[in-house]
């Protein structure tokens, strides 16, 4: 088989797997036009159509389904053989792209960076931390790290951090001026930091006690898209905020911040590392996951 045939077949399999030229292009680090050209060339060479295309969807034809069924074992063997070549390297190599929430960047990634790069000098890290929810395959990332409830169901998920608690905090000065909320309903009379997600929707504070679960849309004069600004506002006595307890412990210990509504702040889910189920794990990714869980 000619090499260009093999590469075109790999592109075909990626498009079939994702049902999208754009997502296949992201996985393969190619342009969408290059993916489209490879599929069109393969169809011309075989003399049959492999996909039914519309403006909204890409679906396999009967010929395409037959080809994919026969092709998958062979491509799986090729990928396995290539991955096994890493055994002949002194250490893993390549670029590992990670997308994480800001909390995960602080808790998981930050403490590992130096140790990981020192241990694997042939690996480069490309890290993007934000609280927007993205498709890591479409955006070309190898690994995502998010709270469990934000992990897509079709991903392989690996726990990396135990359940956390978010707490309501403010400065002693703020509570002296405005009083202390004793019940979640009291938040309606307070100035709260409103956290805005990249898509424009606002986070609702998740509070609960026993069987009671609440999602509170808090009022406030300050809206932010960065948790560091929310912390700053609380420290300065501008407003009260709702953040992971681990980030606040030094300020609580020093008396700069005070926890309120503590009995309404139960533990939430933990952090998970996740990656595509269909993609074979690279040696760089395996090394990172092993180090993070050690």
C-alpha atoms as a PDB file:
ATOM      1  CA  UNK A   1       0.000   0.000   0.000  1.00  0.00           C
ATOM      2  CA  UNK A   2       1.309   3.460  -0.881  1.00  0.00           C
ATOM      3  CA  UNK A   3       2.003   5.800   2.045  1.00  0.00           C
ATOM      4  CA  UNK A   4      -0.473   8.422   0.841  1.00  0.00           C
ATOM      5  CA  UNK A   5      -3.183   5.730   0.746  1.00  0.00           C
ATOM      6  CA  UNK A   6      -2.451   4.862   4.370  1.00  0.00           C
ATOM      7  CA  UNK A   7      -2.590   8.504   5.478  1.00  0.00           C
ATOM      8  CA  UNK A   8      -5.846   9.060   3.585  1.00  0.00           C
ATOM      9  CA  UNK A   9      -7.348   5.995   5.260  1.00  0.00           C
ATOM     10  CA  UNK A  10      -6.337   7.333   8.676  1.00  0.00           C
ATOM     11  CA  UNK A  11      -8.057  10.637   7.847  1.00  0.00           C
ATOM     12  CA  UNK A  12     -11.160   8.761   6.686  1.00  0.00           C
ATOM     13  CA  UNK A  13     -11.279   6.814   9.972  1.00  0.00           C
ATOM     14  CA  UNK A  14     -10.970  10.027  12.024  1.00  0.00           C
ATOM     15  CA  UNK A  15     -13.845  11.699  10.135  1.00  0.00           C
ATOM     16  CA  UNK A  16     -15.983   8.581  10.583  1.00  0.00           C
ATOM     17  CA  UNK A  17     -15.185   8.438  14.291  1.00  0.00           C
ATOM     18  CA  UNK A  18     -16.131  12.060  14.949  1.00  0.00           C
ATOM     19  CA  UNK A  19     -18.827  12.522  12.312  1.00  0.00           C
ATOM     20  CA  UNK A  20     -17.159  15.850  11.591  1.00  0.00           C
ATOM     21  CA  UNK A  21     -14.409  17.093   9.275  1.00  0.00           C
ATOM     22  CA  UNK A  22     -13.614  19.903  11.710  1.00  0.00           C
ATOM     23  CA  UNK A  23     -13.169  17.626  14.740  1.00  0.00           C
ATOM     24  CA  UNK A  24     -11.115  15.156  12.725  1.00  0.00           C
ATOM     25  CA  UNK A  25      -8.882  18.021  11.607  1.00  0.00           C
ATOM     26  CA  UNK A  26      -8.369  19.072  15.236  1.00  0.00           C
ATOM     27  CA  UNK A  27      -7.415  15.537  16.268  1.00  0.00           C
ATOM     28  CA  UNK A  28      -4.980  15.121  13.384  1.00  0.00           C
ATOM     29  CA  UNK A  29      -3.539  18.662  13.616  1.00  0.00           C
ATOM     30  CA  UNK A  30      -4.544  19.349  10.000  1.00  0.00           C
ATOM     31  CA  UNK A  31      -6.624  22.036   8.369  1.00  0.00           C
ATOM     32  CA  UNK A  32     -10.250  21.212   7.575  1.00  0.00           C
ATOM     33  CA  UNK A  33      -9.499  21.724   3.891  1.00  0.00           C
ATOM     34  CA  UNK A  34      -6.647  19.176   4.048  1.00  0.00           C
ATOM     35  CA  UNK A  35      -8.976  16.629   5.652  1.00  0.00           C
ATOM     36  CA  UNK A  36     -11.650  17.269   3.024  1.00  0.00           C
ATOM     37  CA  UNK A  37      -9.067  16.904   0.238  1.00  0.00           C
ATOM     38  CA  UNK A  38      -7.777  13.594   1.653  1.00  0.00           C
ATOM     39  CA  UNK A  39     -11.291  12.129   1.837  1.00  0.00           C
ATOM     40  CA  UNK A  40     -12.202  13.369  -1.636  1.00  0.00           C
ATOM     41  CA  UNK A  41      -8.966  11.919  -3.061  1.00  0.00           C
ATOM     42  CA  UNK A  42      -9.680   8.567  -1.413  1.00  0.00           C
ATOM     43  CA  UNK A  43     -13.236   8.535  -2.785  1.00  0.00           C
ATOM     44  CA  UNK A  44     -11.971   9.337  -6.283  1.00  0.00           C
ATOM     45  CA  UNK A  45      -9.370   6.582  -6.050  1.00  0.00           C
ATOM     46  CA  UNK A  46     -11.911   3.998  -4.858  1.00  0.00           C
ATOM     47  CA  UNK A  47     -14.643   5.182  -7.204  1.00  0.00           C
ATOM     48  CA  UNK A  48     -17.308   5.247  -4.459  1.00  0.00           C
ATOM     49  CA  UNK A  49     -18.698   7.826  -2.061  1.00  0.00           C
ATOM     50  CA  UNK A  50     -17.762   7.205   1.564  1.00  0.00           C
ATOM     51  CA  UNK A  51     -19.787   9.948   3.251  1.00  0.00           C
ATOM     52  CA  UNK A  52     -23.151  11.618   2.812  1.00  0.00           C
ATOM     53  CA  UNK A  53     -22.534  15.289   3.508  1.00  0.00           C
ATOM     54  CA  UNK A  54     -24.993  18.033   4.431  1.00  0.00           C
ATOM     55  CA  UNK A  55     -24.423  21.465   5.927  1.00  0.00           C
ATOM     56  CA  UNK A  56     -25.257  20.010   9.351  1.00  0.00           C
ATOM     57  CA  UNK A  57     -23.951  16.451   9.354  1.00  0.00           C
ATOM     58  CA  UNK A  58     -21.513  13.916   7.938  1.00  0.00           C
ATOM     59  CA  UNK A  59     -22.681  10.278   7.802  1.00  0.00           C
ATOM     60  CA  UNK A  60     -21.116   7.134   6.370  1.00  0.00           C
ATOM     61  CA  UNK A  61     -22.555   5.580   3.227  1.00  0.00           C
ATOM     62  CA  UNK A  62     -22.979   1.807   3.087  1.00  0.00           C
ATOM     63  CA  UNK A  63     -19.632   1.603   1.300  1.00  0.00           C
ATOM     64  CA  UNK A  64     -18.089   3.798   3.983  1.00  0.00           C
ATOM     65  CA  UNK A  65     -19.468   1.599   6.767  1.00  0.00           C
ATOM     66  CA  UNK A  66     -18.048  -1.507   5.104  1.00  0.00           C
ATOM     67  CA  UNK A  67     -14.627   0.093   4.652  1.00  0.00           C
ATOM     68  CA  UNK A  68     -14.499   1.309   8.254  1.00  0.00           C
ATOM     69  CA  UNK A  69     -15.450  -2.121   9.591  1.00  0.00           C
ATOM     70  CA  UNK A  70     -12.630  -3.788   7.648  1.00  0.00           C
ATOM     71  CA  UNK A  71     -10.164  -0.982   8.311  1.00  0.00           C
ATOM     72  CA  UNK A  72     -10.376  -0.502  12.078  1.00  0.00           C
ATOM     73  CA  UNK A  73      -8.421  -3.625  13.142  1.00  0.00           C
ATOM     74  CA  UNK A  74      -5.628  -2.817  10.686  1.00  0.00           C
ATOM     75  CA  UNK A  75      -5.306   0.827  11.753  1.00  0.00           C
ATOM     76  CA  UNK A  76      -5.416  -0.229  15.393  1.00  0.00           C
ATOM     77  CA  UNK A  77      -2.463  -2.508  14.748  1.00  0.00           C
ATOM     78  CA  UNK A  78      -0.526   0.272  13.017  1.00  0.00           C
ATOM     79  CA  UNK A  79      -1.156   2.688  15.903  1.00  0.00           C
ATOM     80  CA  UNK A  80      -0.119   0.074  18.439  1.00  0.00           C
ATOM     81  CA  UNK A  81       3.103  -0.638  16.549  1.00  0.00           C
ATOM     82  CA  UNK A  82       3.963   3.063  16.400  1.00  0.00           C
ATOM     83  CA  UNK A  83       3.220   3.555  20.091  1.00  0.00           C
ATOM     84  CA  UNK A  84       5.391   0.569  20.995  1.00  0.00           C
ATOM     85  CA  UNK A  85       8.343   2.312  19.360  1.00  0.00           C
ATOM     86  CA  UNK A  86       8.461   4.509  22.464  1.00  0.00           C
ATOM     87  CA  UNK A  87       9.857   1.507  24.319  1.00  0.00           C
ATOM     88  CA  UNK A  88      13.052   1.981  22.316  1.00  0.00           C
ATOM     89  CA  UNK A  89      13.398   5.609  23.433  1.00  0.00           C
ATOM     90  CA  UNK A  90      15.285   6.547  26.561  1.00  0.00           C
ATOM     91  CA  UNK A  91      12.242   8.568  27.679  1.00  0.00           C
ATOM     92  CA  UNK A  92       8.873   9.832  26.366  1.00  0.00           C
ATOM     93  CA  UNK A  93       8.934  12.759  23.956  1.00  0.00           C
ATOM     94  CA  UNK A  94       6.668  15.232  22.209  1.00  0.00           C
ATOM     95  CA  UNK A  95       4.318  18.035  23.238  1.00  0.00           C
ATOM     96  CA  UNK A  96       1.585  17.438  25.801  1.00  0.00           C
ATOM     97  CA  UNK A  97      -1.332  19.888  25.539  1.00  0.00           C
ATOM     98  CA  UNK A  98      -3.480  20.264  28.664  1.00  0.00           C
ATOM     99  CA  UNK A  99      -6.651  22.288  29.201  1.00  0.00           C
ATOM    100  CA  UNK A 100      -7.801  22.743  32.790  1.00  0.00           C
ATOM    101  CA  UNK A 101      -9.923  24.834  35.082  1.00  0.00           C
ATOM    102  CA  UNK A 102      -8.039  27.491  37.033  1.00  0.00           C
ATOM    103  CA  UNK A 103      -8.487  25.516  40.248  1.00  0.00           C
ATOM    104  CA  UNK A 104      -6.979  22.431  38.619  1.00  0.00           C
ATOM    105  CA  UNK A 105      -4.051  24.473  37.338  1.00  0.00           C
ATOM    106  CA  UNK A 106      -3.272  25.590  40.892  1.00  0.00           C
ATOM    107  CA  UNK A 107      -3.909  22.273  42.640  1.00  0.00           C
ATOM    108  CA  UNK A 108      -2.693  19.700  40.121  1.00  0.00           C
ATOM    109  CA  UNK A 109      -0.570  21.130  37.329  1.00  0.00           C
ATOM    110  CA  UNK A 110       1.450  23.834  39.084  1.00  0.00           C
ATOM    111  CA  UNK A 111       3.149  21.537  41.610  1.00  0.00           C
ATOM    112  CA  UNK A 112       4.056  19.044  38.851  1.00  0.00           C
ATOM    113  CA  UNK A 113       5.572  21.316  36.197  1.00  0.00           C
ATOM    114  CA  UNK A 114       9.185  21.361  37.350  1.00  0.00           C
ATOM    115  CA  UNK A 115       9.269  17.690  38.350  1.00  0.00           C
ATOM    116  CA  UNK A 116       7.674  16.571  35.085  1.00  0.00           C
ATOM    117  CA  UNK A 117       9.907  18.659  32.820  1.00  0.00           C
ATOM    118  CA  UNK A 118      13.021  17.628  34.760  1.00  0.00           C
ATOM    119  CA  UNK A 119      12.060  13.951  34.504  1.00  0.00           C
ATOM    120  CA  UNK A 120      11.257  14.104  30.769  1.00  0.00           C
ATOM    121  CA  UNK A 121      13.572  16.572  29.008  1.00  0.00           C
ATOM    122  CA  UNK A 122      12.233  15.616  25.554  1.00  0.00           C
ATOM    123  CA  UNK A 123       8.659  16.647  26.417  1.00  0.00           C
ATOM    124  CA  UNK A 124       7.211  20.157  26.081  1.00  0.00           C
ATOM    125  CA  UNK A 125       4.103  21.268  27.984  1.00  0.00           C
ATOM    126  CA  UNK A 126       1.419  23.516  26.479  1.00  0.00           C
ATOM    127  CA  UNK A 127      -1.079  24.463  29.206  1.00  0.00           C
ATOM    128  CA  UNK A 128      -4.246  26.546  28.915  1.00  0.00           C
ATOM    129  CA  UNK A 129      -6.193  27.219  32.125  1.00  0.00           C
ATOM    130  CA  UNK A 130      -9.657  28.761  32.032  1.00  0.00           C
ATOM    131  CA  UNK A 131     -13.079  27.991  33.435  1.00  0.00           C
ATOM    132  CA  UNK A 132     -14.828  27.748  30.078  1.00  0.00           C
ATOM    133  CA  UNK A 133     -16.044  24.285  29.077  1.00  0.00           C
ATOM    134  CA  UNK A 134     -14.574  23.233  25.734  1.00  0.00           C
ATOM    135  CA  UNK A 135     -14.318  20.157  23.520  1.00  0.00           C
ATOM    136  CA  UNK A 136     -10.706  19.136  24.128  1.00  0.00           C
ATOM    137  CA  UNK A 137     -10.612  16.974  20.987  1.00  0.00           C
ATOM    138  CA  UNK A 138     -11.904  19.761  18.769  1.00  0.00           C
ATOM    139  CA  UNK A 139      -9.401  22.205  20.257  1.00  0.00           C
ATOM    140  CA  UNK A 140      -6.470  19.800  19.945  1.00  0.00           C
ATOM    141  CA  UNK A 141      -5.761  19.052  23.628  1.00  0.00           C
ATOM    142  CA  UNK A 142      -4.484  15.700  24.869  1.00  0.00           C
ATOM    143  CA  UNK A 143      -5.838  16.012  28.410  1.00  0.00           C
ATOM    144  CA  UNK A 144      -8.475  17.948  30.315  1.00  0.00           C
ATOM    145  CA  UNK A 145      -8.743  18.471  34.081  1.00  0.00           C
ATOM    146  CA  UNK A 146     -12.111  19.548  35.504  1.00  0.00           C
ATOM    147  CA  UNK A 147     -14.486  18.910  38.375  1.00  0.00           C
ATOM    148  CA  UNK A 148     -16.232  15.575  37.870  1.00  0.00           C
ATOM    149  CA  UNK A 149     -19.616  17.015  36.885  1.00  0.00           C
ATOM    150  CA  UNK A 150     -18.006  18.860  33.953  1.00  0.00           C
ATOM    151  CA  UNK A 151     -16.329  15.795  32.384  1.00  0.00           C
ATOM    152  CA  UNK A 152     -18.052  14.624  29.159  1.00  0.00           C
ATOM    153  CA  UNK A 153     -19.514  11.130  29.410  1.00  0.00           C
ATOM    154  CA  UNK A 154     -17.624   9.821  26.374  1.00  0.00           C
ATOM    155  CA  UNK A 155     -14.210  10.480  27.953  1.00  0.00           C
ATOM    156  CA  UNK A 156     -11.998   8.217  30.034  1.00  0.00           C
ATOM    157  CA  UNK A 157     -11.796   9.905  33.456  1.00  0.00           C
ATOM    158  CA  UNK A 158      -9.141   9.390  36.131  1.00  0.00           C
ATOM    159  CA  UNK A 159      -9.529  10.896  39.642  1.00  0.00           C
ATOM    160  CA  UNK A 160      -6.684  13.169  40.646  1.00  0.00           C
ATOM    161  CA  UNK A 161      -7.981  15.264  43.589  1.00  0.00           C
ATOM    162  CA  UNK A 162     -10.517  14.379  46.301  1.00  0.00           C
ATOM    163  CA  UNK A 163     -13.839  16.135  46.882  1.00  0.00           C
ATOM    164  CA  UNK A 164     -13.467  19.832  47.631  1.00  0.00           C
ATOM    165  CA  UNK A 165     -15.592  22.275  49.596  1.00  0.00           C
ATOM    166  CA  UNK A 166     -16.590  25.681  48.315  1.00  0.00           C
ATOM    167  CA  UNK A 167     -17.208  28.209  51.104  1.00  0.00           C
ATOM    168  CA  UNK A 168     -18.820  31.633  51.462  1.00  0.00           C
ATOM    169  CA  UNK A 169     -16.343  34.213  52.750  1.00  0.00           C
ATOM    170  CA  UNK A 170     -16.017  37.928  53.325  1.00  0.00           C
ATOM    171  CA  UNK A 171     -13.830  40.305  55.286  1.00  0.00           C
ATOM    172  CA  UNK A 172     -14.535  41.205  58.937  1.00  0.00           C
ATOM    173  CA  UNK A 173     -15.001  44.801  57.743  1.00  0.00           C
ATOM    174  CA  UNK A 174     -17.703  43.771  55.268  1.00  0.00           C
ATOM    175  CA  UNK A 175     -19.690  41.793  57.855  1.00  0.00           C
ATOM    176  CA  UNK A 176     -19.367  44.599  60.401  1.00  0.00           C
ATOM    177  CA  UNK A 177     -20.980  46.994  57.914  1.00  0.00           C
ATOM    178  CA  UNK A 178     -23.572  44.681  56.354  1.00  0.00           C
ATOM    179  CA  UNK A 179     -24.258  41.938  58.883  1.00  0.00           C
ATOM    180  CA  UNK A 180     -23.695  38.187  58.644  1.00  0.00           C
ATOM    181  CA  UNK A 181     -25.965  35.979  56.493  1.00  0.00           C
ATOM    182  CA  UNK A 182     -27.427  33.132  58.558  1.00  0.00           C
ATOM    183  CA  UNK A 183     -29.388  31.401  55.791  1.00  0.00           C
ATOM    184  CA  UNK A 184     -28.952  31.225  51.984  1.00  0.00           C
ATOM    185  CA  UNK A 185     -32.064  33.411  51.627  1.00  0.00           C
ATOM    186  CA  UNK A 186     -30.124  36.217  53.350  1.00  0.00           C
ATOM    187  CA  UNK A 187     -27.731  36.400  50.376  1.00  0.00           C
ATOM    188  CA  UNK A 188     -30.428  38.321  48.486  1.00  0.00           C
ATOM    189  CA  UNK A 189     -29.646  41.283  50.765  1.00  0.00           C
ATOM    190  CA  UNK A 190     -25.876  41.154  50.289  1.00  0.00           C
ATOM    191  CA  UNK A 191     -23.382  42.306  47.688  1.00  0.00           C
ATOM    192  CA  UNK A 192     -21.999  39.069  46.227  1.00  0.00           C
ATOM    193  CA  UNK A 193     -19.361  38.546  43.557  1.00  0.00           C
ATOM    194  CA  UNK A 194     -21.094  37.090  40.500  1.00  0.00           C
ATOM    195  CA  UNK A 195     -18.899  34.701  38.521  1.00  0.00           C
ATOM    196  CA  UNK A 196     -19.473  34.857  34.772  1.00  0.00           C
ATOM    197  CA  UNK A 197     -18.559  31.934  32.510  1.00  0.00           C
ATOM    198  CA  UNK A 198     -16.981  32.615  29.085  1.00  0.00           C
ATOM    199  CA  UNK A 199     -20.331  31.988  27.355  1.00  0.00           C
ATOM    200  CA  UNK A 200     -21.933  34.763  29.404  1.00  0.00           C
ATOM    201  CA  UNK A 201     -23.986  32.702  31.858  1.00  0.00           C
ATOM    202  CA  UNK A 202     -23.531  33.209  35.603  1.00  0.00           C
ATOM    203  CA  UNK A 203     -22.536  30.590  38.130  1.00  0.00           C
ATOM    204  CA  UNK A 204     -25.168  29.805  40.757  1.00  0.00           C
ATOM    205  CA  UNK A 205     -23.793  29.188  44.222  1.00  0.00           C
ATOM    206  CA  UNK A 206     -24.336  25.505  45.072  1.00  0.00           C
ATOM    207  CA  UNK A 207     -25.353  25.257  48.726  1.00  0.00           C
ATOM    208  CA  UNK A 208     -26.949  22.453  50.677  1.00  0.00           C
ATOM    209  CA  UNK A 209     -27.753  20.927  54.033  1.00  0.00           C
ATOM    210  CA  UNK A 210     -28.838  17.314  54.413  1.00  0.00           C
ATOM    211  CA  UNK A 211     -31.337  16.537  51.666  1.00  0.00           C
ATOM    212  CA  UNK A 212     -31.754  20.210  50.752  1.00  0.00           C
ATOM    213  CA  UNK A 213     -29.848  21.227  47.612  1.00  0.00           C
ATOM    214  CA  UNK A 214     -29.891  24.838  46.432  1.00  0.00           C
ATOM    215  CA  UNK A 215     -28.553  26.709  43.416  1.00  0.00           C
ATOM    216  CA  UNK A 216     -28.593  30.362  44.368  1.00  0.00           C
ATOM    217  CA  UNK A 217     -28.426  33.107  41.761  1.00  0.00           C
ATOM    218  CA  UNK A 218     -26.800  35.769  43.911  1.00  0.00           C
ATOM    219  CA  UNK A 219     -27.114  39.553  43.458  1.00  0.00           C
ATOM    220  CA  UNK A 220     -24.094  41.819  43.295  1.00  0.00           C
ATOM    221  CA  UNK A 221     -22.528  44.907  41.776  1.00  0.00           C
ATOM    222  CA  UNK A 222     -19.361  43.088  40.706  1.00  0.00           C
ATOM    223  CA  UNK A 223     -19.277  40.450  37.960  1.00  0.00           C
ATOM    224  CA  UNK A 224     -15.968  38.770  37.101  1.00  0.00           C
ATOM    225  CA  UNK A 225     -14.612  36.016  34.899  1.00  0.00           C
ATOM    226  CA  UNK A 226     -11.545  35.385  37.062  1.00  0.00           C
ATOM    227  CA  UNK A 227     -11.623  33.812  40.511  1.00  0.00           C
ATOM    228  CA  UNK A 228      -8.520  35.768  41.528  1.00  0.00           C
ATOM    229  CA  UNK A 229     -10.496  38.997  41.168  1.00  0.00           C
ATOM    230  CA  UNK A 230     -13.300  37.491  43.245  1.00  0.00           C
ATOM    231  CA  UNK A 231     -10.796  36.749  46.013  1.00  0.00           C
ATOM    232  CA  UNK A 232      -9.373  40.264  45.807  1.00  0.00           C
ATOM    233  CA  UNK A 233     -12.838  41.784  46.152  1.00  0.00           C
ATOM    234  CA  UNK A 234     -13.511  39.741  49.282  1.00  0.00           C
ATOM    235  CA  UNK A 235     -10.166  40.669  50.848  1.00  0.00           C
ATOM    236  CA  UNK A 236     -10.825  44.349  50.159  1.00  0.00           C
ATOM    237  CA  UNK A 237     -14.245  44.242  51.808  1.00  0.00           C
ATOM    238  CA  UNK A 238     -16.073  44.981  48.564  1.00  0.00           C
ATOM    239  CA  UNK A 239     -18.303  41.889  48.563  1.00  0.00           C
ATOM    240  CA  UNK A 240     -18.638  38.301  49.725  1.00  0.00           C
ATOM    241  CA  UNK A 241     -17.616  35.454  47.451  1.00  0.00           C
ATOM    242  CA  UNK A 242     -17.825  31.671  47.029  1.00  0.00           C
ATOM    243  CA  UNK A 243     -14.531  29.902  46.324  1.00  0.00           C
ATOM    244  CA  UNK A 244     -12.696  26.601  46.963  1.00  0.00           C
ATOM    245  CA  UNK A 245     -11.730  26.368  50.620  1.00  0.00           C
ATOM    246  CA  UNK A 246      -8.160  25.264  49.919  1.00  0.00           C
ATOM    247  CA  UNK A 247      -7.414  28.617  48.255  1.00  0.00           C
ATOM    248  CA  UNK A 248      -8.754  30.557  51.227  1.00  0.00           C
ATOM    249  CA  UNK A 249      -7.147  28.749  54.163  1.00  0.00           C
ATOM    250  CA  UNK A 250      -4.195  31.168  54.607  1.00  0.00           C
ATOM    251  CA  UNK A 251      -6.531  34.178  54.613  1.00  0.00           C
ATOM    252  CA  UNK A 252      -8.968  32.520  57.017  1.00  0.00           C
ATOM    253  CA  UNK A 253      -6.107  31.571  59.351  1.00  0.00           C
ATOM    254  CA  UNK A 254      -4.796  35.156  59.348  1.00  0.00           C
ATOM    255  CA  UNK A 255      -8.238  36.625  60.040  1.00  0.00           C
ATOM    256  CA  UNK A 256      -8.425  38.470  56.712  1.00  0.00           C
ATOM    257  CA  UNK A 257     -11.470  36.428  55.709  1.00  0.00           C
ATOM    258  CA  UNK A 258     -14.320  34.905  57.696  1.00  0.00           C
ATOM    259  CA  UNK A 259     -16.389  31.862  56.671  1.00  0.00           C
ATOM    260  CA  UNK A 260     -20.172  32.134  56.924  1.00  0.00           C
ATOM    261  CA  UNK A 261     -22.996  29.688  56.158  1.00  0.00           C
ATOM    262  CA  UNK A 262     -20.525  26.880  56.867  1.00  0.00           C
ATOM    263  CA  UNK A 263     -23.270  24.342  57.557  1.00  0.00           C
ATOM    264  CA  UNK A 264     -24.636  25.085  54.059  1.00  0.00           C
ATOM    265  CA  UNK A 265     -21.312  24.332  52.329  1.00  0.00           C
ATOM    266  CA  UNK A 266     -20.987  20.545  51.869  1.00  0.00           C
ATOM    267  CA  UNK A 267     -18.122  18.911  49.944  1.00  0.00           C
ATOM    268  CA  UNK A 268     -18.516  18.880  46.168  1.00  0.00           C
ATOM    269  CA  UNK A 269     -17.055  16.493  43.599  1.00  0.00           C
ATOM    270  CA  UNK A 270     -13.328  16.043  43.093  1.00  0.00           C
ATOM    271  CA  UNK A 271     -11.107  16.836  40.132  1.00  0.00           C
ATOM    272  CA  UNK A 272     -10.745  14.394  37.252  1.00  0.00           C
ATOM    273  CA  UNK A 273      -8.195  14.081  34.469  1.00  0.00           C
ATOM    274  CA  UNK A 274      -9.875  12.996  31.248  1.00  0.00           C
ATOM    275  CA  UNK A 275      -8.898  12.133  27.682  1.00  0.00           C
ATOM    276  CA  UNK A 276     -10.574  10.764  24.529  1.00  0.00           C
ATOM    277  CA  UNK A 277     -11.676   7.153  24.704  1.00  0.00           C
ATOM    278  CA  UNK A 278     -10.901   6.520  21.028  1.00  0.00           C
ATOM    279  CA  UNK A 279      -7.373   7.898  21.052  1.00  0.00           C
ATOM    280  CA  UNK A 280      -4.446   5.712  22.086  1.00  0.00           C
ATOM    281  CA  UNK A 281      -2.659   7.205  25.065  1.00  0.00           C
ATOM    282  CA  UNK A 282       0.729   8.718  24.219  1.00  0.00           C
ATOM    283  CA  UNK A 283       3.750   8.012  26.386  1.00  0.00           C
ATOM    284  CA  UNK A 284       3.877  11.703  27.380  1.00  0.00           C
ATOM    285  CA  UNK A 285       0.271  11.576  28.584  1.00  0.00           C
ATOM    286  CA  UNK A 286       0.798   8.303  30.412  1.00  0.00           C
ATOM    287  CA  UNK A 287       3.829   9.750  32.186  1.00  0.00           C
ATOM    288  CA  UNK A 288       1.880  12.838  33.297  1.00  0.00           C
ATOM    289  CA  UNK A 289      -1.090  10.845  34.598  1.00  0.00           C
ATOM    290  CA  UNK A 290       1.184   8.450  36.483  1.00  0.00           C
ATOM    291  CA  UNK A 291       3.066  11.350  38.086  1.00  0.00           C
ATOM    292  CA  UNK A 292      -0.136  13.219  39.006  1.00  0.00           C
ATOM    293  CA  UNK A 293      -1.580  10.151  40.733  1.00  0.00           C
ATOM    294  CA  UNK A 294       1.618   9.134  42.521  1.00  0.00           C
END
